[in-house]
Amino acid sequence: MKRSPALLHGLRILSLALNLPGPAALMRCRRMGATCTKLEPPAGDPMGHYNPGAYAELHEGVKVLQADLKTPQGQEALHRELARTDVLLTSFRPSALRKLGLDWKELHTRYPTLSQVAIVGAPGDRAEEPGHDLTYLAENGLVPGLELPATLYADMGGSLMASEAVLQAALRRQERYAGGGDPHPEGLYLEVALSDAAAYLGLPRRWGLTQPTGSVGGAHAGYRLYACKDGRVAVAALEPHFAAALCAAAGVAANDMKAMFTRETHAAVAAFFASRTREELDRLAAEQDLPLHTLPAQA
């Protein structure tokens, strides 16, 4: 993977966040040049136990330490790290942070230049509610059937929002310093809610774009999944020139874009794909500049 520019070079991040969203955000920040340290409980991060490969990739280049934050020794280790940290990344509920002496008011008083990016499940007063990726997706209409989503969209979307928040904190520091202001600017508190990430990812569905009647929800014959002779094909011939090329290849008469929404066009395109192998379709895509991708048959 090509590394991102070292935009965060010199920024020191301490993470207490476990599982996926926090470590994924830390991974992105590390790839942007930040110096990243993570403080884990003595039992380690659960991800390290149920998926060691994912854990290793998420923590490449991260200095991992262990401490029990419920003990005086653990608190001493934590504050030793906080004293040299620019951004703290957390994923605890607010009540848990308060019990650990890490609520924002107390932190900001003790470390006025420290910023905190707090990953929570839901924003504001809902931050104490239990939830997970699946429940946030369901809440935002992103689980239409009984199958589990193909990936952890809310967690990964939340990690992007958290790394964006780190960039905001870094930009604020840079602007204050470059403008001749306080060389030690006041830190920021930035909350990132996984439910907000799910809501953002769900906007196309709320707008109707990915609903069954939407152009990218199955209503357009050129933007669908079809069965082929030995598998499946994902076709994304949405723009008029792609749709025209698809119809020409399939021998379908489509005089205008409205024809792409008719039952007859859907049936004709489906029959064309059903008569071709994946190899034939891959060759067609290359020859005709068609946006399609073949897949094995579903298990």
Foldseek 3Di string as FASTA:
>chain_A
DDFDALPQAPAEEEEAAADFQRLQLVLNNVSNHYAAEYEYEPVGGVCCVPPVVVVCSSCVNYHYHYADLLDPVRVVVVVVSVVVHAEYEYEDQQVVCVSSQRHPVSSCVVQFLHAYEYEAADDDPCRPPDDALQVLLVVLVNCPDDDDDPDSQLSHLLSVVSNVVVVVQVVVQVVCVVVVHDNRDGYYYHYGHSSVSSNVVSVCVVVVQCPCCHLQVVQFLQADWAAAQFAIKGFDQRDPVLVVLLCVVLVHDDPDRVVRRDPVVNVSSNVSRHHDDQVVVVVSCVVSVTPMDTDGHDD
